[in-house]
Amino acid sequence: MEVKIRNRSRMMRVVAAVLFLGLMWAYAQLEWNVPQGVKRTLVQARGTITSSDGKVLAQSVNGQRTYPQGRLAGQVLGMMGTTNGLEGLEYAYDSSLQAGKNLKLTLNTGVQAAAESALSKAIPVHEAEYGSVVVMETRTGRVLAAASYPAFDPNHWRDYPLDARRNRPFLDVYEPGSVIKGLVVAAAMNEGLTTPKTTYDTPMRRFVGGRWGSTINDAVEHPTTLTTQQILRYSSNVGMSHIVEPFKADNLRDYLLNYGFGRYPDMPVVPAATGQIQPLRNWDDLVRATNAFGQGISTTTLQLASAYNALANDGLYLSPQLIEGVAGSEPAREIVRPEIARTTRTMLQAVIEEGIPTQAGVKGYDIGGKTGTAQVVVDGKYSSTIYNSVFTGFYPVSAPQLTIVVMVHGAKLDYHGSMLAAPVFREITTDVLSAWGAAPRVEVPRTTEK
């Protein structure tokens, strides 16, 4: 009898162990490896992502997530793992997409392709590391292109390194350099601190900041006296230090904040970086001057585009928009008066026409913009060999339709903004104007009275 009881006890323990292991296996399947039928249902029902011009960018077919446009906007879209989005919009809108809701983006595939193509041509030639472009529709703030290089195809995401997946226009933070000058000049004119024809003594170097100060240098040879217009034309750091001398630190800092620097873009759900503005307690005379020419402040390509878009939009700042029908909560805000924005645009048109007409200009069209060549901080010091090449611009100057920002990092050949970023801007602008059938400016021949 005792033998039977012992045998039955052993059998019960074996059965209990089997049941326990079975339950553990089932739990593991649910927790880490959803059954294939469930996986297929989730992916099959996942919402579609389309562009503003109706192209399918992401869809689910036969239980697989596919990206019909291949590398186009790959970093913006991101990719999926087995059941969930891992990067980009696939991650940010994972719950909504899993519920079968579709996303329509503001991206235009033609403009996106032009931006990606221009980057892919220029970066290898200049032996640069990476780059980004944002193209914004001026009157709405809609992002028509957000391009990154190197390219990334979400259909084969496992074949790419982590850096290739990065949505650089929204996430890469860097010092903007001299492109900031156009924004600061507009702010100074709005405060009545300068005019386009105000003149300043501008040697090639100037000591700023008193006992704890430093010497500011200019890179481009220029006359020893410059107007505000010429300070932009020659991109004079010394000249900018004079312009901002009467600018109260807290007031100038507030302008930069209103331009969108040091703040997260008002784009619900979409991942984006903030950049940085130094706290007001650090704003001595030297910091005020260096911020005026783009050192000591950091930004993203998206933020730069939004800031310059305010100048293009008659001084009115609009939050950037990537998802159709999903606007931010912040209302539009006036940063500078409309007449100041128009005057600044005319000054930036002269910067191109008098300085870099072949690098950034498009014959027959009124283009305005500003270059920047920013030293990159390495180990706490500004490098003498690594630079960011930047260009910001808009078209047409009188009533802009597009605002475009280009940034290329780490070029080894011809790294100056005028040599690298400006020609990339020019190629994008030329492609878009051609595709849109935009008529050139009509020159009316002058007649001679007899």
Protein backbone atom coordinates (compact mmCIF):
# COMPACT_ATOMS: atom_id res chain seq x y z
CA MET A 1 0.00 0.00 0.00
CA GLU A 2 2.80 2.38 0.92
CA VAL A 3 4.53 1.62 -2.39
CA LYS A 4 1.37 2.57 -4.33
CA ILE A 5 1.04 5.85 -2.40
CA ARG A 6 4.69 6.70 -3.03
CA ASN A 7 4.35 5.93 -6.75
CA ARG A 8 1.17 8.01 -7.01
CA SER A 9 2.90 10.89 -5.21
CA ARG A 10 5.81 10.78 -7.66
CA MET A 11 3.38 10.77 -10.61
CA MET A 12 1.52 13.79 -9.18
CA ARG A 13 4.79 15.67 -8.79
CA VAL A 14 5.74 14.85 -12.40
CA VAL A 15 2.33 15.96 -13.66
CA ALA A 16 2.55 19.17 -11.63
CA ALA A 17 6.03 19.89 -12.97
CA VAL A 18 4.86 19.31 -16.56
CA LEU A 19 1.88 21.61 -16.06
CA PHE A 20 4.08 24.27 -14.48
CA LEU A 21 6.58 24.15 -17.35
CA GLY A 22 3.74 24.29 -19.84
CA LEU A 23 2.34 27.40 -18.18
CA MET A 24 5.78 29.01 -18.12
CA TRP A 25 6.25 28.27 -21.82
CA ALA A 26 2.85 29.71 -22.67
CA TYR A 27 3.60 32.85 -20.63
CA ALA A 28 6.93 33.28 -22.38
CA GLN A 29 5.23 33.01 -25.75
CA LEU A 30 2.80 35.75 -24.79
CA GLU A 31 5.42 37.97 -23.20
CA TRP A 32 8.31 37.67 -25.65
CA ASN A 33 7.09 35.91 -28.74
CA VAL A 34 3.51 36.61 -29.72
CA PRO A 35 1.96 33.63 -31.55
CA GLN A 36 2.39 33.86 -35.31
CA GLY A 37 -1.30 34.26 -35.98
CA VAL A 38 -1.52 37.22 -33.61
CA LYS A 39 1.64 38.79 -35.08
CA ARG A 40 0.21 38.51 -38.56
CA THR A 41 -3.07 40.08 -37.50
CA LEU A 42 -1.30 43.04 -35.83
CA VAL A 43 0.91 43.77 -38.84
CA GLN A 44 -1.86 43.18 -41.36
CA ALA A 45 -4.14 45.69 -39.61
CA ARG A 46 -1.41 48.32 -39.09
CA GLY A 47 -2.22 51.71 -40.56
CA THR A 48 -0.71 53.02 -43.78
CA ILE A 49 1.63 56.04 -43.97
CA THR A 50 1.29 58.26 -47.04
CA SER A 51 2.84 61.51 -48.30
CA SER A 52 0.96 64.73 -48.98
CA ASP A 53 1.08 63.98 -52.72
CA GLY A 54 -0.55 60.59 -52.23
CA LYS A 55 2.42 58.21 -52.39
CA VAL A 56 2.38 55.19 -50.06
CA LEU A 57 5.42 55.33 -47.77
CA ALA A 58 4.62 52.41 -45.44
CA GLN A 59 2.04 49.64 -45.64
CA SER A 60 1.34 46.10 -44.48
CA VAL A 61 1.16 43.38 -47.13
CA ASN A 62 0.78 39.64 -46.46
CA GLY A 63 1.72 40.09 -42.82
CA GLN A 64 4.86 42.08 -43.64
CA ARG A 65 5.59 45.80 -43.18
CA THR A 66 6.92 47.22 -46.43
CA TYR A 67 8.17 50.61 -47.57
CA PRO A 68 7.35 51.02 -51.28
CA GLN A 69 9.51 54.12 -51.80
CA GLY A 70 12.62 52.38 -50.47
CA ARG A 71 15.11 54.86 -49.01
CA LEU A 72 12.93 57.92 -49.53
CA ALA A 73 12.32 59.52 -46.12
CA GLY A 74 13.58 56.31 -44.52
CA GLN A 75 14.81 57.96 -41.31
CA VAL A 76 11.56 59.86 -40.89
CA LEU A 77 9.51 56.69 -41.21
CA GLY A 78 11.74 54.50 -39.05
CA MET A 79 11.01 50.76 -39.06
CA MET A 80 9.23 47.91 -37.32
CA GLY A 81 10.47 45.01 -35.26
CA THR A 82 8.41 41.83 -35.04
CA THR A 83 5.28 43.54 -33.74
CA ASN A 84 6.18 47.10 -32.72
CA GLY A 85 7.67 50.22 -34.24
CA LEU A 86 11.32 50.67 -33.31
CA GLU A 87 12.34 54.05 -34.73
CA GLY A 88 10.88 57.19 -36.32
CA LEU A 89 7.17 57.56 -36.91
CA GLU A 90 6.67 53.80 -36.72
CA TYR A 91 7.75 54.11 -33.07
CA ALA A 92 6.21 57.49 -32.24
CA TYR A 93 2.77 56.56 -33.62
CA ASP A 94 2.97 52.85 -32.81
CA SER A 95 -0.27 52.68 -30.81
CA SER A 96 -2.22 54.64 -33.39
CA LEU A 97 -0.86 52.60 -36.29
CA GLN A 98 -1.53 49.31 -34.46
CA ALA A 99 -5.13 50.44 -34.07
CA GLY A 100 -5.32 50.61 -37.87
CA LYS A 101 -5.27 54.39 -38.15
CA ASN A 102 -3.54 55.87 -41.19
CA LEU A 103 -1.00 58.70 -41.14
CA LYS A 104 -0.73 61.34 -43.86
CA LEU A 105 2.51 63.32 -43.78
CA THR A 106 3.17 66.84 -45.01
CA LEU A 107 6.20 65.52 -46.92
CA ASN A 108 6.14 65.95 -50.70
CA THR A 109 7.97 63.05 -52.37
CA GLY A 110 9.30 65.24 -55.19
CA VAL A 111 10.80 67.80 -52.81
CA GLN A 112 12.07 65.03 -50.51
CA ALA A 113 13.75 63.30 -53.45
CA ALA A 114 15.39 66.56 -54.57
CA ALA A 115 16.80 67.15 -51.08
CA GLU A 116 18.09 63.59 -50.69
CA SER A 117 19.61 63.61 -54.16
CA ALA A 118 21.49 66.88 -53.61
CA LEU A 119 22.94 65.61 -50.32
CA SER A 120 23.93 62.25 -51.80
CA LYS A 121 25.89 63.97 -54.58
CA ALA A 122 27.67 66.60 -52.49
CA ILE A 123 28.67 64.74 -49.33
CA PRO A 124 30.89 62.07 -50.95
CA VAL A 125 32.57 64.65 -53.20
CA HIS A 126 33.48 66.83 -50.22
CA GLU A 127 34.40 63.79 -48.11
CA ALA A 128 31.92 64.78 -45.41
CA GLU A 129 30.44 62.50 -42.74
CA TYR A 130 26.73 63.31 -42.81
CA GLY A 131 24.17 66.01 -43.54
CA SER A 132 20.56 67.09 -43.30
CA VAL A 133 18.03 69.28 -45.10
CA VAL A 134 14.65 70.73 -44.17
CA VAL A 135 12.33 72.33 -46.72
CA MET A 136 9.37 74.20 -45.22
CA GLU A 137 6.27 75.67 -46.84
CA THR A 138 6.53 79.29 -45.76
CA ARG A 139 2.90 80.26 -45.18
CA THR A 140 1.89 77.08 -43.32
CA GLY A 141 5.00 75.70 -41.58
CA ARG A 142 4.40 72.32 -43.25
CA VAL A 143 7.61 70.31 -43.63
CA LEU A 144 7.86 69.31 -47.30
CA ALA A 145 11.21 67.54 -46.93
CA ALA A 146 13.32 66.23 -44.04
CA ALA A 147 16.35 64.60 -45.62
CA SER A 148 19.28 62.77 -44.02
CA TYR A 149 22.52 61.37 -45.41
CA PRO A 150 23.80 58.62 -45.34
CA ALA A 151 20.69 56.99 -46.76
CA PHE A 152 18.60 54.36 -44.99
CA ASP A 153 16.18 51.77 -46.40
CA PRO A 154 13.73 50.56 -43.74
CA ASN A 155 12.94 47.48 -45.84
CA HIS A 156 16.43 46.18 -44.95
CA TRP A 157 17.04 47.99 -41.67
CA ARG A 158 19.15 45.22 -40.17
CA ASP A 159 21.79 45.88 -42.84
CA TYR A 160 22.43 49.43 -41.59
CA PRO A 161 24.42 50.78 -38.62
CA LEU A 162 22.55 52.58 -35.87
CA ASP A 163 23.65 56.04 -37.04
CA ALA A 164 22.07 55.51 -40.46
CA ARG A 165 18.61 55.26 -38.86
CA ARG A 166 18.93 58.69 -37.24
CA ASN A 167 16.45 61.37 -38.34
CA ARG A 168 19.18 64.01 -38.45
CA PRO A 169 17.12 67.12 -39.37
CA PHE A 170 15.10 66.72 -36.16
CA LEU A 171 17.68 65.19 -33.80
CA ASP A 172 21.22 66.41 -34.62
CA VAL A 173 22.23 69.39 -32.45
CA TYR A 174 25.03 71.74 -33.54
CA GLU A 175 26.21 75.36 -33.35
CA PRO A 176 24.74 77.20 -36.36
CA GLY A 177 27.54 79.69 -36.96
CA SER A 178 27.04 82.79 -39.09
CA VAL A 179 23.56 81.95 -40.37
CA ILE A 180 22.31 83.29 -37.02
CA LYS A 181 23.43 86.80 -38.06
CA GLY A 182 20.40 87.42 -40.25
CA LEU A 183 18.06 86.66 -37.36
CA VAL A 184 19.99 88.87 -34.90
CA VAL A 185 20.17 91.78 -37.35
CA ALA A 186 16.39 91.56 -37.82
CA ALA A 187 15.92 91.63 -34.04
CA ALA A 188 18.27 94.64 -33.66
CA MET A 189 16.44 96.56 -36.39
CA ASN A 190 13.12 95.67 -34.78
CA GLU A 191 14.41 97.26 -31.54
CA GLY A 192 15.61 100.37 -33.37
CA LEU A 193 19.24 99.61 -32.53
CA THR A 194 20.53 99.63 -36.12
CA THR A 195 19.52 100.21 -39.76
CA PRO A 196 20.83 98.71 -43.01
CA LYS A 197 23.02 101.81 -43.55
CA THR A 198 24.35 102.30 -40.00
CA THR A 199 28.17 102.23 -40.12
CA TYR A 200 30.63 100.62 -37.70
CA ASP A 201 34.40 100.52 -37.29
CA THR A 202 35.35 96.99 -38.26
CA PRO A 203 38.99 95.98 -37.97
CA MET A 204 39.72 92.31 -38.65
CA ARG A 205 39.85 91.58 -34.92
CA ARG A 206 38.48 93.10 -31.74
CA PHE A 207 38.83 92.34 -28.04
CA VAL A 208 35.45 91.99 -26.30
CA GLY A 209 34.48 91.30 -22.70
CA GLY A 210 36.86 93.24 -20.43
CA ARG A 211 39.05 91.35 -17.99
CA TRP A 212 37.56 87.94 -18.79
CA GLY A 213 37.04 88.65 -22.46
CA SER A 214 38.52 87.32 -25.67
CA THR A 215 39.54 88.44 -29.15
CA ILE A 216 36.94 88.09 -31.90
CA ASN A 217 38.27 87.53 -35.42
CA ASP A 218 36.90 87.89 -38.92
CA ALA A 219 37.69 85.39 -41.65
CA VAL A 220 36.91 87.38 -44.83
CA GLU A 221 38.97 90.45 -45.72
CA HIS A 222 36.83 93.59 -45.76
CA PRO A 223 37.00 97.40 -45.43
CA THR A 224 37.70 98.86 -41.99
CA THR A 225 34.26 100.48 -41.94
CA LEU A 226 31.12 98.51 -42.76
CA THR A 227 27.39 99.18 -42.83
CA THR A 228 24.98 96.66 -41.29
CA GLN A 229 24.21 95.48 -44.82
CA GLN A 230 27.91 94.93 -45.46
CA ILE A 231 28.37 93.16 -42.11
CA LEU A 232 25.99 90.50 -43.45
CA ARG A 233 27.68 90.58 -46.86
CA TYR A 234 31.17 89.98 -45.40
CA SER A 235 29.84 87.93 -42.47
CA SER A 236 31.78 90.07 -40.00
CA ASN A 237 31.91 88.80 -36.42
CA VAL A 238 33.48 92.09 -35.34
CA GLY A 239 30.61 93.97 -36.92
CA MET A 240 28.04 91.80 -35.14
CA SER A 241 29.74 92.49 -31.80
CA HIS A 242 29.12 96.21 -32.41
CA ILE A 243 25.48 95.71 -33.45
CA VAL A 244 24.58 93.84 -30.26
CA GLU A 245 26.49 96.11 -27.84
CA PRO A 246 23.37 98.16 -27.01
CA PHE A 247 21.18 95.03 -26.98
CA LYS A 248 20.25 94.11 -23.42
CA ALA A 249 21.21 90.50 -22.75
CA ASP A 250 17.80 89.41 -21.53
CA ASN A 251 16.11 91.07 -24.50
CA LEU A 252 18.38 89.43 -27.09
CA ARG A 253 17.99 86.07 -25.37
CA ASP A 254 14.19 86.45 -25.49
CA TYR A 255 14.36 87.03 -29.24
CA LEU A 256 16.35 83.83 -29.70
CA LEU A 257 13.81 81.92 -27.60
CA ASN A 258 10.98 83.36 -29.68
CA TYR A 259 12.77 82.22 -32.84
CA GLY A 260 12.43 78.72 -31.35
CA PHE A 261 15.97 78.10 -30.10
CA GLY A 262 16.40 76.32 -26.77
CA ARG A 263 12.82 75.00 -26.96
CA TYR A 264 11.30 71.76 -28.18
CA PRO A 265 9.47 72.21 -31.49
CA ASP A 266 5.70 72.18 -30.97
CA MET A 267 5.18 68.93 -32.89
CA PRO A 268 2.99 66.50 -30.92
CA VAL A 269 4.46 62.98 -30.57
CA VAL A 270 7.22 63.44 -33.21
CA PRO A 271 10.71 62.96 -31.63
CA ALA A 272 12.83 66.12 -31.90
CA ALA A 273 15.76 67.68 -30.03
CA THR A 274 15.78 71.09 -28.37
CA GLY A 275 19.28 72.53 -28.72
CA GLN A 276 20.49 74.94 -26.06
CA ILE A 277 20.68 78.60 -25.10
CA GLN A 278 22.90 79.50 -22.16
CA PRO A 279 21.15 80.60 -18.94
CA LEU A 280 20.86 84.35 -18.52
CA ARG A 281 23.34 84.38 -15.61
CA ASN A 282 26.09 83.46 -18.12
CA TRP A 283 25.29 86.28 -20.53
CA ASP A 284 28.20 88.64 -20.15
CA ASP A 285 29.43 90.92 -22.97
CA LEU A 286 31.42 88.12 -24.59
CA VAL A 287 28.55 85.59 -24.58
CA ARG A 288 26.20 88.21 -26.03
CA ALA A 289 28.67 88.86 -28.86
CA THR A 290 29.46 85.21 -29.62
CA ASN A 291 25.76 84.29 -29.65
CA ALA A 292 25.27 87.03 -32.25
CA PHE A 293 27.46 85.09 -34.67
CA GLY A 294 26.31 81.59 -33.75
CA GLN A 295 28.78 80.35 -31.12
CA GLY A 296 27.63 79.17 -27.70
CA ILE A 297 24.13 78.41 -28.97
CA SER A 298 23.03 75.09 -30.46
CA THR A 299 20.14 74.14 -32.70
CA THR A 300 18.78 71.58 -35.13
CA THR A 301 18.15 71.94 -38.85
CA LEU A 302 14.41 71.87 -38.13
CA GLN A 303 14.73 74.73 -35.61
CA LEU A 304 16.85 76.80 -38.02
CA ALA A 305 14.26 76.30 -40.76
CA SER A 306 11.45 77.38 -38.42
CA ALA A 307 13.41 80.48 -37.34
CA TYR A 308 14.24 81.60 -40.88
CA ASN A 309 10.73 80.77 -41.94
CA ALA A 310 9.59 83.55 -39.58
CA LEU A 311 11.61 86.06 -41.61
CA ALA A 312 10.20 84.61 -44.81
CA ASN A 313 6.67 84.79 -43.34
CA ASP A 314 6.78 88.54 -42.64
CA GLY A 315 8.00 88.08 -39.07
CA LEU A 316 5.37 85.52 -38.02
CA TYR A 317 6.68 82.31 -36.41
CA LEU A 318 4.77 79.10 -37.19
CA SER A 319 5.34 75.80 -35.44
CA PRO A 320 6.62 73.15 -37.88
CA GLN A 321 4.11 70.51 -38.94
CA LEU A 322 4.89 66.98 -40.15
CA ILE A 323 1.54 65.17 -39.79
CA GLU A 324 -1.41 66.49 -41.81
CA GLY A 325 -4.20 67.59 -39.51
CA VAL A 326 -2.02 67.44 -36.37
CA ALA A 327 -0.98 70.98 -35.50
CA GLY A 328 0.84 72.10 -32.38
CA SER A 329 -0.86 73.86 -29.51
CA GLU A 330 1.16 77.09 -29.74
CA PRO A 331 -0.45 79.95 -31.69
CA ALA A 332 1.53 81.83 -34.33
CA ARG A 333 3.61 84.64 -32.81
CA GLU A 334 5.08 87.80 -34.28
CA ILE A 335 8.83 88.05 -33.66
CA VAL A 336 9.62 91.11 -35.78
CA ARG A 337 7.33 93.55 -37.57
CA PRO A 338 6.43 92.71 -41.19
CA GLU A 339 8.38 95.66 -42.61
CA ILE A 340 11.48 94.59 -40.66
CA ALA A 341 11.21 91.03 -42.00
CA ARG A 342 10.89 92.35 -45.57
CA THR A 343 13.89 94.65 -45.13
CA THR A 344 15.95 91.76 -43.76
CA ARG A 345 14.97 89.57 -46.72
CA THR A 346 16.13 92.28 -49.12
CA MET A 347 19.44 92.48 -47.25
CA LEU A 348 19.84 88.70 -47.49
CA GLN A 349 19.07 88.84 -51.21
CA ALA A 350 21.98 91.27 -51.57
CA VAL A 351 24.20 88.85 -49.60
CA ILE A 352 23.71 86.30 -52.38
CA GLU A 353 23.70 88.61 -55.39
CA GLU A 354 26.78 90.55 -54.28
CA GLY A 355 28.69 87.71 -52.64
CA ILE A 356 27.82 84.20 -53.88
CA PRO A 357 25.55 84.50 -56.93
CA THR A 358 26.93 81.40 -58.65
CA GLN A 359 27.06 79.26 -55.51
CA ALA A 360 23.55 79.93 -54.14
CA GLY A 361 21.72 82.04 -56.71
CA VAL A 362 19.39 80.77 -59.42
CA LYS A 363 19.43 82.94 -62.54
CA GLY A 364 16.13 84.68 -63.10
CA TYR A 365 14.86 84.13 -59.54
CA ASP A 366 15.06 86.29 -56.41
CA ILE A 367 16.77 84.22 -53.72
CA GLY A 368 17.72 85.37 -50.23
CA GLY A 369 19.94 83.58 -47.73
CA LYS A 370 22.98 83.36 -45.49
CA THR A 371 25.95 81.03 -45.22
CA GLY A 372 27.62 79.70 -42.09
CA THR A 373 30.86 77.83 -41.42
CA ALA A 374 30.89 76.73 -37.79
CA GLN A 375 33.80 75.20 -35.92
CA VAL A 376 32.86 72.01 -34.08
CA VAL A 377 33.67 71.63 -30.39
CA VAL A 378 35.90 68.60 -29.74
CA ASP A 379 37.02 67.78 -26.18
CA GLY A 380 35.83 71.17 -24.95
CA LYS A 381 37.72 73.19 -27.59
CA TYR A 382 36.85 74.48 -31.05
CA SER A 383 38.46 72.26 -33.64
CA SER A 384 40.58 73.74 -36.42
CA THR A 385 39.85 70.81 -38.73
CA ILE A 386 36.18 69.85 -38.23
CA TYR A 387 33.42 72.19 -39.42
CA ASN A 388 29.70 72.34 -40.08
CA SER A 389 28.77 73.88 -43.40
CA VAL A 390 25.36 75.59 -43.22
CA PHE A 391 23.09 77.56 -45.52
CA THR A 392 19.65 79.05 -44.88
CA GLY A 393 17.55 80.57 -47.63
CA PHE A 394 14.13 81.27 -49.13
CA TYR A 395 12.42 81.92 -52.46
CA PRO A 396 11.13 84.30 -53.78
CA VAL A 397 12.30 87.23 -51.66
CA SER A 398 9.21 89.38 -52.22
CA ALA A 399 6.70 86.69 -51.13
CA PRO A 400 8.52 83.49 -50.11
CA GLN A 401 6.96 80.10 -50.78
CA LEU A 402 9.79 77.88 -49.51
CA THR A 403 12.34 78.09 -46.70
CA ILE A 404 15.31 75.73 -47.01
CA VAL A 405 18.13 74.88 -44.60
CA VAL A 406 21.15 72.72 -45.43
CA MET A 407 23.75 71.38 -42.96
CA VAL A 408 26.76 69.20 -43.79
CA HIS A 409 29.15 67.96 -41.10
CA GLY A 410 32.83 67.15 -41.25
CA ALA A 411 33.75 67.87 -44.86
CA LYS A 412 37.45 67.47 -45.59
CA LEU A 413 37.36 69.32 -48.93
CA ASP A 414 35.91 72.82 -49.47
CA TYR A 415 34.03 72.85 -46.19
CA HIS A 416 32.99 76.54 -46.19
CA GLY A 417 29.27 77.21 -46.28
CA SER A 418 29.59 79.07 -49.58
CA MET A 419 31.42 76.13 -51.18
CA LEU A 420 29.31 73.25 -49.89
CA ALA A 421 25.95 74.03 -48.26
CA ALA A 422 25.09 76.90 -50.63
CA PRO A 423 25.47 74.80 -53.82
CA VAL A 424 23.35 72.04 -52.22
CA PHE A 425 20.67 74.68 -51.56
CA ARG A 426 20.98 75.87 -55.15
CA GLU A 427 20.50 72.36 -56.56
CA ILE A 428 17.44 71.68 -54.42
CA THR A 429 15.92 75.04 -55.33
CA THR A 430 16.59 74.53 -59.04
CA ASP A 431 15.02 71.05 -59.01
CA VAL A 432 11.91 72.21 -57.14
CA LEU A 433 11.43 75.33 -59.29
CA SER A 434 11.73 73.19 -62.41
CA ALA A 435 9.31 70.53 -61.14
CA TRP A 436 6.78 73.15 -60.05
CA GLY A 437 7.07 75.08 -63.29
CA ALA A 438 7.84 78.34 -61.46
CA ALA A 439 8.28 81.14 -63.99
CA PRO A 440 11.50 83.18 -63.74
CA ARG A 441 11.52 86.89 -63.11
CA VAL A 442 10.74 88.83 -66.28
CA GLU A 443 13.33 91.48 -66.98
CA VAL A 444 11.77 94.50 -68.71
CA PRO A 445 14.30 96.06 -71.11
CA ARG A 446 14.98 99.73 -70.54
CA THR A 447 14.20 102.16 -73.35
CA THR A 448 16.21 105.24 -74.16
CA GLU A 449 14.20 108.44 -74.75
CA LYS A 450 15.16 110.50 -77.73
